[in-house]
Amino acid sequence: MRILIIILALGLQTVQAQNYTVIHVIGKIYDSNSKTYLKSGSKLNEGSKLKFETPNARAAALSSSRGRYVIQKQSNQESSNDLAYTLSAVLSPARGKMSTRAGGINNQMDFVKKFGENSIAIVGGKYETAVSPTSYPSDDSRFFYASYTFNEETINKKLDVTDGNLVFNTSTFYAVDGLAIDPKQTSNTKLFYYDSNKEESTEITALNFTVVSDTEFESISNSLAGLSQEEQKQSMQEIISSLYGSCDPSSIEAALQALN
């Protein structure tokens, strides 16, 4: 009987053991077991030992029986690049996060709630949000602009309001003297509203954007090619929101349609 219990216990452990397939990686994560860096398609198990060699390195992985997961060091874990963590210590379910505030913006507090509390992922090269024309009229003398630091210089960008929506177009927003720049090389991004009649520039909120390039988006999408259209959309929402920042599902859907 004792031997039977041991056999059953070992069999249960085998059933419960989980294997994971890496879908997407940001930064450099080293698997000490296989002596390779994680990449799309890498296989992991619960005994895998991982080293996070670049700041904010993270990855998405898929378990066939448990769904989608994020591999990322927790804020309370040591930051040394030499430490190896077991997979279970840095693994958590992927959670889709909607944009912080779905409705239109009527005042500065609305801006802070939408932009200042979480990172926002931009997919498809554009992000826009409805803004009250009464609270924030937009014309030649009154307009929004943003500033950020690039190469130790302050870059100012006037923003368009189209059909009542404040628009951030990455092709023009992240460009200097007509040349595209890497969004990751910018910092201290802030949103302002300028009124020339009052000769007044008002700082509204910090902007924390993370741009998902078309290449990154397509790579994640390709790794989920076996799913149904609805499952793929949900998976993309969870993975992008967990790795990059909150994102409106309609943006995910539009970007997926653009691929097809």
Protein backbone atom coordinates (compact mmCIF):
# COMPACT_ATOMS: atom_id res chain seq x y z
CA MET A 1 0.00 0.00 0.00
CA ARG A 2 2.82 2.38 0.88
CA ILE A 3 4.50 1.71 -2.48
CA LEU A 4 1.20 2.37 -4.25
CA ILE A 5 0.80 5.73 -2.47
CA ILE A 6 4.32 6.74 -3.46
CA ILE A 7 3.67 5.77 -7.10
CA LEU A 8 0.40 7.72 -7.11
CA ALA A 9 2.10 10.74 -5.55
CA LEU A 10 4.87 10.67 -8.14
CA GLY A 11 2.29 10.33 -10.89
CA LEU A 12 0.34 13.32 -9.52
CA GLN A 13 3.51 15.43 -9.44
CA THR A 14 4.17 14.52 -13.07
CA VAL A 15 0.66 15.55 -14.07
CA GLN A 16 0.92 18.82 -12.14
CA ALA A 17 4.38 19.71 -13.50
CA GLN A 18 4.03 22.53 -15.97
CA ASN A 19 6.01 23.41 -19.06
CA TYR A 20 5.95 26.87 -20.59
CA THR A 21 6.70 28.24 -24.05
CA VAL A 22 8.07 31.77 -24.28
CA ILE A 23 6.00 34.02 -26.54
CA HIS A 24 7.83 37.34 -26.37
CA VAL A 25 10.85 38.80 -24.56
CA ILE A 26 11.80 42.36 -23.66
CA GLY A 27 15.41 42.80 -22.58
CA LYS A 28 17.84 39.99 -21.74
CA ILE A 29 16.85 37.03 -19.54
CA TYR A 30 19.35 34.18 -19.19
CA ASP A 31 18.25 30.59 -18.57
CA SER A 32 20.99 29.05 -16.44
CA ASN A 33 19.73 25.52 -17.09
CA SER A 34 19.91 25.65 -20.89
CA LYS A 35 22.70 28.27 -20.86
CA THR A 36 20.82 30.37 -23.43
CA TYR A 37 18.95 33.67 -23.47
CA LEU A 38 15.19 33.50 -23.64
CA LYS A 39 13.61 34.09 -27.03
CA SER A 40 10.29 33.36 -28.67
CA GLY A 41 9.86 29.57 -28.66
CA SER A 42 12.14 28.90 -25.67
CA LYS A 43 10.91 26.10 -23.39
CA LEU A 44 10.85 26.43 -19.60
CA ASN A 45 9.80 24.29 -16.69
CA GLU A 46 9.25 24.97 -13.01
CA GLY A 47 12.88 24.13 -12.27
CA SER A 48 14.25 26.74 -14.69
CA LYS A 49 16.69 29.25 -13.16
CA LEU A 50 16.56 32.71 -14.70
CA LYS A 51 18.84 35.75 -14.54
CA PHE A 52 17.50 39.19 -15.50
CA GLU A 53 20.46 40.93 -17.09
CA THR A 54 18.88 44.20 -18.23
CA PRO A 55 16.66 46.64 -16.31
CA ASN A 56 12.93 45.86 -16.51
CA ALA A 57 13.57 42.69 -18.52
CA ARG A 58 10.38 40.67 -18.84
CA ALA A 59 8.74 38.03 -20.99
CA ALA A 60 5.40 36.45 -21.79
CA ALA A 61 4.96 32.68 -21.73
CA LEU A 62 2.20 30.24 -22.52
CA SER A 63 1.15 27.15 -20.60
CA SER A 64 -1.08 24.86 -22.62
CA SER A 65 -3.18 24.05 -19.56
CA ARG A 66 -2.99 27.24 -17.50
CA GLY A 67 -3.02 30.07 -20.04
CA ARG A 68 -0.76 33.11 -20.38
CA TYR A 69 1.89 34.25 -17.90
CA VAL A 70 4.36 37.07 -17.39
CA ILE A 71 7.95 36.42 -16.31
CA GLN A 72 9.23 39.44 -14.39
CA LYS A 73 11.11 40.24 -11.21
CA GLN A 74 8.92 41.57 -8.43
CA SER A 75 9.56 45.02 -6.98
CA ASN A 76 10.63 43.51 -3.63
CA GLN A 77 13.25 41.21 -5.18
CA GLU A 78 16.93 42.13 -5.32
CA SER A 79 18.09 43.84 -8.51
CA SER A 80 21.49 42.12 -8.91
CA ASN A 81 22.12 40.75 -12.42
CA ASP A 82 24.00 37.78 -10.92
CA LEU A 83 21.06 36.34 -9.00
CA ALA A 84 19.16 33.43 -10.52
CA TYR A 85 15.47 33.04 -9.70
CA THR A 86 13.39 29.91 -10.01
CA LEU A 87 10.63 30.34 -12.56
CA SER A 88 7.90 30.06 -9.94
CA ALA A 89 9.34 33.09 -8.08
CA VAL A 90 9.01 35.40 -11.09
CA LEU A 91 5.91 33.98 -12.78
CA SER A 92 2.45 35.54 -12.58
CA PRO A 93 -0.74 35.30 -14.68
CA ALA A 94 -1.04 37.85 -17.49
CA ARG A 95 -3.79 40.34 -16.79
CA GLY A 96 -5.39 42.57 -19.40
CA LYS A 97 -5.58 46.20 -18.25
CA MET A 98 -7.91 48.62 -19.90
CA SER A 99 -6.85 52.22 -20.34
CA THR A 100 -7.22 53.87 -16.96
CA ARG A 101 -10.20 55.99 -17.94
CA ALA A 102 -12.43 55.13 -20.89
CA GLY A 103 -14.52 58.31 -21.03
CA GLY A 104 -13.71 61.78 -22.32
CA ILE A 105 -11.51 64.28 -20.48
CA ASN A 106 -13.12 67.33 -18.91
CA ASN A 107 -10.51 68.64 -16.47
CA GLN A 108 -6.94 68.25 -15.27
CA MET A 109 -7.85 65.50 -12.80
CA ASP A 110 -9.22 63.44 -15.69
CA PHE A 111 -5.88 63.84 -17.47
CA VAL A 112 -3.97 62.76 -14.36
CA LYS A 113 -6.17 59.70 -13.90
CA LYS A 114 -5.78 58.66 -17.52
CA PHE A 115 -2.09 59.36 -18.07
CA GLY A 116 -0.41 59.87 -14.72
CA GLU A 117 -1.24 56.64 -12.90
CA ASN A 118 -0.08 53.87 -15.26
CA SER A 119 2.03 53.28 -18.32
CA ILE A 120 0.00 53.39 -21.53
CA ALA A 121 0.89 51.16 -24.48
CA ILE A 122 0.63 52.67 -27.96
CA VAL A 123 -0.06 50.15 -30.72
CA GLY A 124 -0.61 50.83 -34.41
CA GLY A 125 1.41 54.06 -34.30
CA LYS A 126 -1.31 56.23 -32.79
CA TYR A 127 -3.03 56.97 -29.49
CA GLU A 128 -5.97 59.33 -29.08
CA THR A 129 -8.44 60.32 -26.40
CA ALA A 130 -11.55 62.52 -26.37
CA VAL A 131 -11.13 65.97 -24.79
CA SER A 132 -13.86 68.45 -23.89
CA PRO A 133 -13.78 71.38 -26.38
CA THR A 134 -15.43 73.55 -23.73
CA SER A 135 -12.78 72.93 -21.11
CA TYR A 136 -9.91 72.86 -23.59
CA PRO A 137 -10.63 74.84 -26.77
CA SER A 138 -8.20 74.10 -29.56
CA ASP A 139 -7.23 76.69 -32.18
CA ASP A 140 -4.20 78.68 -33.33
CA SER A 141 -3.92 80.50 -30.01
CA ARG A 142 -4.89 77.67 -27.64
CA PHE A 143 -3.43 74.21 -28.00
CA PHE A 144 -1.83 71.22 -26.34
CA TYR A 145 1.84 70.43 -26.56
CA ALA A 146 4.15 67.91 -24.99
CA SER A 147 7.81 68.07 -24.02
CA TYR A 148 10.38 65.39 -23.41
CA THR A 149 14.12 65.09 -22.96
CA PHE A 150 16.23 63.56 -25.73
CA ASN A 151 20.03 63.67 -25.81
CA GLU A 152 19.90 66.08 -22.87
CA GLU A 153 17.79 68.53 -24.89
CA THR A 154 14.17 69.51 -24.34
CA ILE A 155 11.98 68.70 -27.33
CA ASN A 156 8.57 70.37 -27.64
CA LYS A 157 5.79 68.90 -29.77
CA LYS A 158 2.55 70.66 -30.66
CA LEU A 159 -0.35 68.19 -30.64
CA ASP A 160 -3.36 68.01 -32.92
CA VAL A 161 -6.97 67.77 -31.80
CA THR A 162 -8.97 66.01 -34.52
CA ASP A 163 -12.74 65.46 -34.27
CA GLY A 164 -12.57 66.20 -30.56
CA ASN A 165 -9.71 63.75 -29.93
CA LEU A 166 -6.24 64.67 -28.70
CA VAL A 167 -3.90 62.71 -30.98
CA PHE A 168 -0.42 61.32 -30.35
CA ASN A 169 1.04 60.09 -33.64
CA THR A 170 4.30 58.24 -32.97
CA SER A 171 5.78 59.00 -36.42
CA THR A 172 5.78 62.73 -35.69
CA PHE A 173 5.83 62.70 -31.88
CA TYR A 174 9.05 60.67 -31.73
CA ALA A 175 10.95 62.57 -34.40
CA VAL A 176 13.55 65.32 -34.20
CA ASP A 177 14.40 67.47 -37.22
CA GLY A 178 12.37 65.11 -39.36
CA LEU A 179 14.32 62.02 -38.24
CA ALA A 180 12.74 59.20 -36.23
CA ILE A 181 14.15 58.62 -32.75
CA ASP A 182 13.89 55.68 -30.36
CA PRO A 183 11.08 56.35 -27.84
CA LYS A 184 13.13 54.44 -25.25
CA GLN A 185 15.77 57.18 -25.46
CA THR A 186 13.32 59.85 -24.27
CA SER A 187 12.45 60.76 -20.70
CA ASN A 188 10.57 63.23 -18.52
CA THR A 189 7.61 63.45 -20.91
CA LYS A 190 4.92 65.95 -19.89
CA LEU A 191 1.70 67.35 -21.32
CA PHE A 192 0.95 71.11 -21.37
CA TYR A 193 -1.86 73.42 -22.48
CA TYR A 194 -0.94 76.80 -23.90
CA ASP A 195 -3.15 79.88 -24.09
CA SER A 196 -1.48 82.72 -26.00
CA ASN A 197 -4.24 85.16 -25.06
CA LYS A 198 -3.25 84.75 -21.42
CA GLU A 199 0.40 84.16 -22.29
CA GLU A 200 0.09 81.12 -20.04
CA SER A 201 1.44 77.59 -20.33
CA THR A 202 -0.05 75.09 -17.86
CA GLU A 203 1.54 71.76 -17.03
CA ILE A 204 -1.22 69.14 -16.97
CA THR A 205 0.31 65.75 -16.27
CA ALA A 206 3.23 63.42 -16.84
CA LEU A 207 2.99 61.08 -19.84
CA ASN A 208 4.25 57.53 -19.52
CA PHE A 209 4.01 55.99 -22.98
CA THR A 210 5.45 52.67 -24.13
CA VAL A 211 5.42 52.20 -27.88
CA VAL A 212 4.79 48.70 -29.21
CA SER A 213 6.47 48.63 -32.60
CA ASP A 214 4.77 46.99 -35.57
CA THR A 215 7.50 44.34 -35.54
CA GLU A 216 6.93 43.53 -31.86
CA PHE A 217 3.17 43.44 -32.33
CA GLU A 218 3.42 41.12 -35.32
CA SER A 219 5.85 38.84 -33.49
CA ILE A 220 3.44 38.39 -30.58
CA SER A 221 0.53 37.89 -32.95
CA ASN A 222 2.42 35.21 -34.91
CA SER A 223 3.14 33.29 -31.70
CA LEU A 224 -0.64 33.08 -31.13
CA ALA A 225 -1.53 32.12 -34.69
CA GLY A 226 -3.15 28.83 -33.60
CA LEU A 227 -5.87 30.59 -31.60
CA SER A 228 -9.28 31.69 -32.78
CA GLN A 229 -9.73 35.35 -33.69
CA GLU A 230 -11.45 36.15 -30.39
CA GLU A 231 -8.92 34.17 -28.32
CA GLN A 232 -6.06 35.89 -30.11
CA LYS A 233 -7.52 39.33 -29.41
CA GLN A 234 -7.94 38.49 -25.71
CA SER A 235 -4.44 37.05 -25.53
CA MET A 236 -2.91 40.10 -27.21
CA GLN A 237 -4.77 42.34 -24.75
CA GLU A 238 -3.40 40.43 -21.77
CA ILE A 239 0.17 40.16 -23.04
CA ILE A 240 0.56 43.74 -24.26
CA SER A 241 -1.09 45.19 -21.16
CA SER A 242 1.09 43.07 -18.86
CA LEU A 243 4.36 43.74 -20.68
CA TYR A 244 3.93 47.29 -21.99
CA GLY A 245 1.04 49.08 -20.26
CA SER A 246 -2.71 49.55 -20.29
CA CYS A 247 -4.28 49.54 -23.73
CA ASP A 248 -7.75 49.97 -25.18
CA PRO A 249 -9.04 46.70 -26.74
CA SER A 250 -10.20 48.64 -29.81
CA SER A 251 -6.57 49.59 -30.50
CA ILE A 252 -5.57 45.93 -30.31
CA GLU A 253 -8.39 44.95 -32.64
CA ALA A 254 -7.51 47.67 -35.18
CA ALA A 255 -3.84 46.66 -35.17
CA LEU A 256 -4.76 43.00 -35.67
CA GLN A 257 -7.00 43.92 -38.59
CA ALA A 258 -4.16 45.90 -40.16
CA LEU A 259 -2.02 42.74 -40.14
CA ASN A 260 -4.63 40.74 -42.07
